[in-house]
Amino acid sequence: MSEDLFTQLCCISGFNKMNGATYQEHIIIIAGKRIPESLHQVIQHSISGEKALDVLRQNNIPYTHDS
């Protein structure tokens, strides 16, 4: 899911509990098994969702939407 959609859905009750409090957390929840554990903290501590997606790109980890 795109960061814009994530942001729009954050106001729905229970959404963040299932999908993460931040977009960076969401990436780990959704794709964590495909992301080497060594990158989890890098993604979680990225200053923005775009920077987190950059980590995926730089490590050739595919995702299903354009940023």
PDB file of N, CA and C in Angstrom:
ATOM      1  N   MET A   1       0.850  -1.164   0.000  1.00  0.00           N
ATOM      2  CA  MET A   1       0.000   0.000   0.000  1.00  0.00           C
ATOM      3  C   MET A   1       0.898   1.230   0.000  1.00  0.00           C
ATOM      4  N   SER A   2       0.451   2.252  -0.661  1.00  0.00           N
ATOM      5  CA  SER A   2       1.230   3.491  -0.726  1.00  0.00           C
ATOM      6  C   SER A   2       1.181   4.211   0.626  1.00  0.00           C
ATOM      7  N   GLU A   3       2.132   5.091   0.833  1.00  0.00           N
ATOM      8  CA  GLU A   3       2.161   5.860   2.076  1.00  0.00           C
ATOM      9  C   GLU A   3       0.943   6.773   2.183  1.00  0.00           C
ATOM     10  N   ASP A   4       0.504   7.330   1.065  1.00  0.00           N
ATOM     11  CA  ASP A   4      -0.688   8.191   1.083  1.00  0.00           C
ATOM     12  C   ASP A   4      -1.915   7.417   1.554  1.00  0.00           C
ATOM     13  N   LEU A   5      -2.106   6.209   1.032  1.00  0.00           N
ATOM     14  CA  LEU A   5      -3.245   5.394   1.443  1.00  0.00           C
ATOM     15  C   LEU A   5      -3.122   5.013   2.915  1.00  0.00           C
ATOM     16  N   PHE A   6      -1.923   4.638   3.335  1.00  0.00           N
ATOM     17  CA  PHE A   6      -1.692   4.318   4.743  1.00  0.00           C
ATOM     18  C   PHE A   6      -2.117   5.489   5.627  1.00  0.00           C
ATOM     19  N   THR A   7      -1.684   6.684   5.270  1.00  0.00           N
ATOM     20  CA  THR A   7      -2.003   7.883   6.040  1.00  0.00           C
ATOM     21  C   THR A   7      -3.515   8.119   6.100  1.00  0.00           C
ATOM     22  N   GLN A   8      -4.193   7.908   4.985  1.00  0.00           N
ATOM     23  CA  GLN A   8      -5.648   8.105   4.944  1.00  0.00           C
ATOM     24  C   GLN A   8      -6.382   7.102   5.835  1.00  0.00           C
ATOM     25  N   LEU A   9      -5.854   5.881   5.923  1.00  0.00           N
ATOM     26  CA  LEU A   9      -6.531   4.832   6.678  1.00  0.00           C
ATOM     27  C   LEU A   9      -6.220   4.863   8.173  1.00  0.00           C
ATOM     28  N   CYS A  10      -5.217   5.634   8.566  1.00  0.00           N
ATOM     29  CA  CYS A  10      -4.816   5.694   9.980  1.00  0.00           C
ATOM     30  C   CYS A  10      -5.938   6.140  10.900  1.00  0.00           C
ATOM     31  N   CYS A  11      -6.903   6.879  10.396  1.00  0.00           N
ATOM     32  CA  CYS A  11      -7.988   7.378  11.246  1.00  0.00           C
ATOM     33  C   CYS A  11      -9.057   6.316  11.516  1.00  0.00           C
ATOM     34  N   ILE A  12      -8.975   5.194  10.859  1.00  0.00           N
ATOM     35  CA  ILE A  12      -9.960   4.120  11.061  1.00  0.00           C
ATOM     36  C   ILE A  12      -9.596   3.344  12.327  1.00  0.00           C
ATOM     37  N   SER A  13     -10.562   3.162  13.180  1.00  0.00           N
ATOM     38  CA  SER A  13     -10.344   2.464  14.442  1.00  0.00           C
ATOM     39  C   SER A  13      -9.733   1.084  14.216  1.00  0.00           C
ATOM     40  N   GLY A  14      -8.643   0.806  14.914  1.00  0.00           N
ATOM     41  CA  GLY A  14      -7.997  -0.496  14.843  1.00  0.00           C
ATOM     42  C   GLY A  14      -6.995  -0.655  13.713  1.00  0.00           C
ATOM     43  N   PHE A  15      -6.975   0.279  12.777  1.00  0.00           N
ATOM     44  CA  PHE A  15      -6.080   0.146  11.627  1.00  0.00           C
ATOM     45  C   PHE A  15      -4.619   0.083  12.053  1.00  0.00           C
ATOM     46  N   ASN A  16      -4.195   1.020  12.897  1.00  0.00           N
ATOM     47  CA  ASN A  16      -2.791   1.063  13.294  1.00  0.00           C
ATOM     48  C   ASN A  16      -2.383  -0.142  14.138  1.00  0.00           C
ATOM     49  N   LYS A  17      -3.312  -0.670  14.894  1.00  0.00           N
ATOM     50  CA  LYS A  17      -2.997  -1.851  15.704  1.00  0.00           C
ATOM     51  C   LYS A  17      -2.610  -3.030  14.808  1.00  0.00           C
ATOM     52  N   MET A  18      -3.258  -3.158  13.682  1.00  0.00           N
ATOM     53  CA  MET A  18      -2.994  -4.275  12.760  1.00  0.00           C
ATOM     54  C   MET A  18      -1.912  -3.961  11.732  1.00  0.00           C
ATOM     55  N   ASN A  19      -1.725  -2.685  11.405  1.00  0.00           N
ATOM     56  CA  ASN A  19      -0.873  -2.309  10.276  1.00  0.00           C
ATOM     57  C   ASN A  19       0.344  -1.461  10.627  1.00  0.00           C
ATOM     58  N   GLY A  20       0.533  -1.162  11.902  1.00  0.00           N
ATOM     59  CA  GLY A  20       1.674  -0.362  12.328  1.00  0.00           C
ATOM     60  C   GLY A  20       1.301   1.079  12.591  1.00  0.00           C
ATOM     61  N   ALA A  21       2.034   1.680  13.514  1.00  0.00           N
ATOM     62  CA  ALA A  21       1.774   3.070  13.879  1.00  0.00           C
ATOM     63  C   ALA A  21       2.385   4.036  12.878  1.00  0.00           C
ATOM     64  N   THR A  22       3.408   3.583  12.161  1.00  0.00           N
ATOM     65  CA  THR A  22       4.057   4.406  11.137  1.00  0.00           C
ATOM     66  C   THR A  22       4.135   3.606   9.844  1.00  0.00           C
ATOM     67  N   TYR A  23       4.373   4.296   8.763  1.00  0.00           N
ATOM     68  CA  TYR A  23       4.515   3.608   7.477  1.00  0.00           C
ATOM     69  C   TYR A  23       5.728   2.680   7.497  1.00  0.00           C
ATOM     70  N   GLN A  24       6.781   3.087   8.180  1.00  0.00           N
ATOM     71  CA  GLN A  24       7.965   2.255   8.285  1.00  0.00           C
ATOM     72  C   GLN A  24       7.635   0.939   9.005  1.00  0.00           C
ATOM     73  N   GLU A  25       6.867   1.013  10.079  1.00  0.00           N
ATOM     74  CA  GLU A  25       6.424  -0.197  10.781  1.00  0.00           C
ATOM     75  C   GLU A  25       5.548  -1.047   9.868  1.00  0.00           C
ATOM     76  N   HIS A  26       4.708  -0.400   9.097  1.00  0.00           N
ATOM     77  CA  HIS A  26       3.829  -1.108   8.163  1.00  0.00           C
ATOM     78  C   HIS A  26       4.644  -1.935   7.167  1.00  0.00           C
ATOM     79  N   ILE A  27       5.710  -1.362   6.651  1.00  0.00           N
ATOM     80  CA  ILE A  27       6.563  -2.085   5.705  1.00  0.00           C
ATOM     81  C   ILE A  27       7.096  -3.359   6.350  1.00  0.00           C
ATOM     82  N   ILE A  28       7.559  -3.265   7.582  1.00  0.00           N
ATOM     83  CA  ILE A  28       8.095  -4.433   8.285  1.00  0.00           C
ATOM     84  C   ILE A  28       7.003  -5.467   8.539  1.00  0.00           C
ATOM     85  N   ILE A  29       5.822  -5.025   8.937  1.00  0.00           N
ATOM     86  CA  ILE A  29       4.719  -5.961   9.196  1.00  0.00           C
ATOM     87  C   ILE A  29       4.331  -6.696   7.923  1.00  0.00           C
ATOM     88  N   ILE A  30       4.198  -5.989   6.826  1.00  0.00           N
ATOM     89  CA  ILE A  30       3.720  -6.587   5.584  1.00  0.00           C
ATOM     90  C   ILE A  30       4.786  -7.409   4.866  1.00  0.00           C
ATOM     91  N   ALA A  31       6.006  -6.910   4.828  1.00  0.00           N
ATOM     92  CA  ALA A  31       7.049  -7.567   4.021  1.00  0.00           C
ATOM     93  C   ALA A  31       8.215  -8.075   4.853  1.00  0.00           C
ATOM     94  N   GLY A  32       8.060  -8.115   6.157  1.00  0.00           N
ATOM     95  CA  GLY A  32       9.161  -8.475   7.038  1.00  0.00           C
ATOM     96  C   GLY A  32       9.872  -9.768   6.702  1.00  0.00           C
ATOM     97  N   LYS A  33       9.136 -10.772   6.277  1.00  0.00           N
ATOM     98  CA  LYS A  33       9.755 -12.069   5.959  1.00  0.00           C
ATOM     99  C   LYS A  33      10.621 -11.997   4.707  1.00  0.00           C
ATOM    100  N   ARG A  34      10.345 -11.041   3.834  1.00  0.00           N
ATOM    101  CA  ARG A  34      11.130 -10.886   2.601  1.00  0.00           C
ATOM    102  C   ARG A  34      12.296  -9.921   2.773  1.00  0.00           C
ATOM    103  N   ILE A  35      12.334  -9.259   3.915  1.00  0.00           N
ATOM    104  CA  ILE A  35      13.383  -8.278   4.188  1.00  0.00           C
ATOM    105  C   ILE A  35      14.357  -8.893   5.179  1.00  0.00           C
ATOM    106  N   PRO A  36      15.650  -8.907   4.852  1.00  0.00           N
ATOM    107  CA  PRO A  36      16.620  -9.439   5.814  1.00  0.00           C
ATOM    108  C   PRO A  36      16.494  -8.733   7.162  1.00  0.00           C
ATOM    109  N   GLU A  37      16.592  -9.497   8.220  1.00  0.00           N
ATOM    110  CA  GLU A  37      16.431  -8.944   9.562  1.00  0.00           C
ATOM    111  C   GLU A  37      17.396  -7.793   9.830  1.00  0.00           C
ATOM    112  N   SER A  38      18.538  -7.827   9.205  1.00  0.00           N
ATOM    113  CA  SER A  38      19.529  -6.762   9.398  1.00  0.00           C
ATOM    114  C   SER A  38      19.026  -5.405   8.897  1.00  0.00           C
ATOM    115  N   LEU A  39      18.008  -5.406   8.032  1.00  0.00           N
ATOM    116  CA  LEU A  39      17.465  -4.152   7.499  1.00  0.00           C
ATOM    117  C   LEU A  39      16.233  -3.651   8.256  1.00  0.00           C
ATOM    118  N   HIS A  40      15.677  -4.471   9.124  1.00  0.00           N
ATOM    119  CA  HIS A  40      14.462  -4.071   9.839  1.00  0.00           C
ATOM    120  C   HIS A  40      14.666  -2.770  10.603  1.00  0.00           C
ATOM    121  N   GLN A  41      15.727  -2.674  11.370  1.00  0.00           N
ATOM    122  CA  GLN A  41      15.972  -1.457  12.156  1.00  0.00           C
ATOM    123  C   GLN A  41      16.252  -0.262  11.255  1.00  0.00           C
ATOM    124  N   VAL A  42      16.951  -0.484  10.153  1.00  0.00           N
ATOM    125  CA  VAL A  42      17.240   0.604   9.214  1.00  0.00           C
ATOM    126  C   VAL A  42      15.923   1.175   8.685  1.00  0.00           C
ATOM    127  N   ILE A  43      15.010   0.300   8.324  1.00  0.00           N
ATOM    128  CA  ILE A  43      13.708   0.731   7.811  1.00  0.00           C
ATOM    129  C   ILE A  43      12.906   1.430   8.904  1.00  0.00           C
ATOM    130  N   GLN A  44      12.843   0.836  10.087  1.00  0.00           N
ATOM    131  CA  GLN A  44      12.065   1.427  11.177  1.00  0.00           C
ATOM    132  C   GLN A  44      12.579   2.793  11.586  1.00  0.00           C
ATOM    133  N   HIS A  45      13.875   3.025  11.449  1.00  0.00           N
ATOM    134  CA  HIS A  45      14.452   4.302  11.860  1.00  0.00           C
ATOM    135  C   HIS A  45      14.636   5.280  10.703  1.00  0.00           C
ATOM    136  N   SER A  46      14.114   4.934   9.536  1.00  0.00           N
ATOM    137  CA  SER A  46      14.169   5.853   8.394  1.00  0.00           C
ATOM    138  C   SER A  46      13.364   7.103   8.729  1.00  0.00           C
ATOM    139  N   ILE A  47      13.830   8.241   8.248  1.00  0.00           N
ATOM    140  CA  ILE A  47      13.171   9.502   8.609  1.00  0.00           C
ATOM    141  C   ILE A  47      11.844   9.725   7.888  1.00  0.00           C
ATOM    142  N   SER A  48      11.580   8.914   6.863  1.00  0.00           N
ATOM    143  CA  SER A  48      10.308   9.046   6.141  1.00  0.00           C
ATOM    144  C   SER A  48       9.978   7.707   5.482  1.00  0.00           C
ATOM    145  N   GLY A  49       8.743   7.600   5.054  1.00  0.00           N
ATOM    146  CA  GLY A  49       8.336   6.412   4.308  1.00  0.00           C
ATOM    147  C   GLY A  49       9.119   6.269   3.014  1.00  0.00           C
ATOM    148  N   GLU A  50       9.371   7.377   2.356  1.00  0.00           N
ATOM    149  CA  GLU A  50      10.126   7.353   1.096  1.00  0.00           C
ATOM    150  C   GLU A  50      11.537   6.829   1.322  1.00  0.00           C
ATOM    151  N   LYS A  51      12.171   7.249   2.403  1.00  0.00           N
ATOM    152  CA  LYS A  51      13.523   6.758   2.722  1.00  0.00           C
ATOM    153  C   LYS A  51      13.485   5.263   3.040  1.00  0.00           C
ATOM    154  N   ALA A  52      12.421   4.817   3.682  1.00  0.00           N
ATOM    155  CA  ALA A  52      12.269   3.386   3.967  1.00  0.00           C
ATOM    156  C   ALA A  52      12.139   2.595   2.667  1.00  0.00           C
ATOM    157  N   LEU A  53      11.369   3.135   1.727  1.00  0.00           N
ATOM    158  CA  LEU A  53      11.250   2.475   0.422  1.00  0.00           C
ATOM    159  C   LEU A  53      12.573   2.501  -0.334  1.00  0.00           C
ATOM    160  N   ASP A  54      13.363   3.546  -0.134  1.00  0.00           N
ATOM    161  CA  ASP A  54      14.701   3.603  -0.742  1.00  0.00           C
ATOM    162  C   ASP A  54      15.560   2.435  -0.270  1.00  0.00           C
ATOM    163  N   VAL A  55      15.423   2.068   1.000  1.00  0.00           N
ATOM    164  CA  VAL A  55      16.173   0.918   1.528  1.00  0.00           C
ATOM    165  C   VAL A  55      15.786  -0.341   0.759  1.00  0.00           C
ATOM    166  N   LEU A  56      14.491  -0.500   0.495  1.00  0.00           N
ATOM    167  CA  LEU A  56      14.047  -1.658  -0.281  1.00  0.00           C
ATOM    168  C   LEU A  56      14.641  -1.628  -1.685  1.00  0.00           C
ATOM    169  N   ARG A  57      14.570  -0.482  -2.332  1.00  0.00           N
ATOM    170  CA  ARG A  57      15.106  -0.349  -3.694  1.00  0.00           C
ATOM    171  C   ARG A  57      16.600  -0.649  -3.737  1.00  0.00           C
ATOM    172  N   GLN A  58      17.343  -0.081  -2.808  1.00  0.00           N
ATOM    173  CA  GLN A  58      18.791  -0.247  -2.789  1.00  0.00           C
ATOM    174  C   GLN A  58      19.209  -1.690  -2.545  1.00  0.00           C
ATOM    175  N   ASN A  59      18.326  -2.470  -1.956  1.00  0.00           N
ATOM    176  CA  ASN A  59      18.622  -3.862  -1.657  1.00  0.00           C
ATOM    177  C   ASN A  59      17.860  -4.823  -2.569  1.00  0.00           C
ATOM    178  N   ASN A  60      17.331  -4.282  -3.666  1.00  0.00           N
ATOM    179  CA  ASN A  60      16.623  -5.088  -4.667  1.00  0.00           C
ATOM    180  C   ASN A  60      15.506  -5.932  -4.062  1.00  0.00           C
ATOM    181  N   ILE A  61      14.753  -5.323  -3.156  1.00  0.00           N
ATOM    182  CA  ILE A  61      13.602  -5.991  -2.550  1.00  0.00           C
ATOM    183  C   ILE A  61      12.362  -5.406  -3.208  1.00  0.00           C
ATOM    184  N   PRO A  62      11.675  -6.217  -4.011  1.00  0.00           N
ATOM    185  CA  PRO A  62      10.513  -5.690  -4.744  1.00  0.00           C
ATOM    186  C   PRO A  62       9.324  -5.398  -3.822  1.00  0.00           C
ATOM    187  N   TYR A  63       8.533  -4.433  -4.225  1.00  0.00           N
ATOM    188  CA  TYR A  63       7.265  -4.162  -3.572  1.00  0.00           C
ATOM    189  C   TYR A  63       6.267  -3.824  -4.674  1.00  0.00           C
ATOM    190  N   THR A  64       4.987  -3.804  -4.341  1.00  0.00           N
ATOM    191  CA  THR A  64       3.965  -3.832  -5.390  1.00  0.00           C
ATOM    192  C   THR A  64       3.326  -2.503  -5.758  1.00  0.00           C
ATOM    193  N   HIS A  65       3.880  -1.399  -5.358  1.00  0.00           N
ATOM    194  CA  HIS A  65       3.327  -0.117  -5.773  1.00  0.00           C
ATOM    195  C   HIS A  65       4.457   0.851  -6.085  1.00  0.00           C
ATOM    196  N   ASP A  66       4.150   1.834  -6.875  1.00  0.00           N
ATOM    197  CA  ASP A  66       5.115   2.898  -7.143  1.00  0.00           C
ATOM    198  C   ASP A  66       4.974   3.941  -6.063  1.00  0.00           C
ATOM    199  N   SER A  67       6.092   4.525  -5.667  1.00  0.00           N
ATOM    200  CA  SER A  67       6.051   5.547  -4.619  1.00  0.00           C
ATOM    201  C   SER A  67       5.689   6.887  -5.181  1.00  0.00           C
TER     202      SER A  67
END
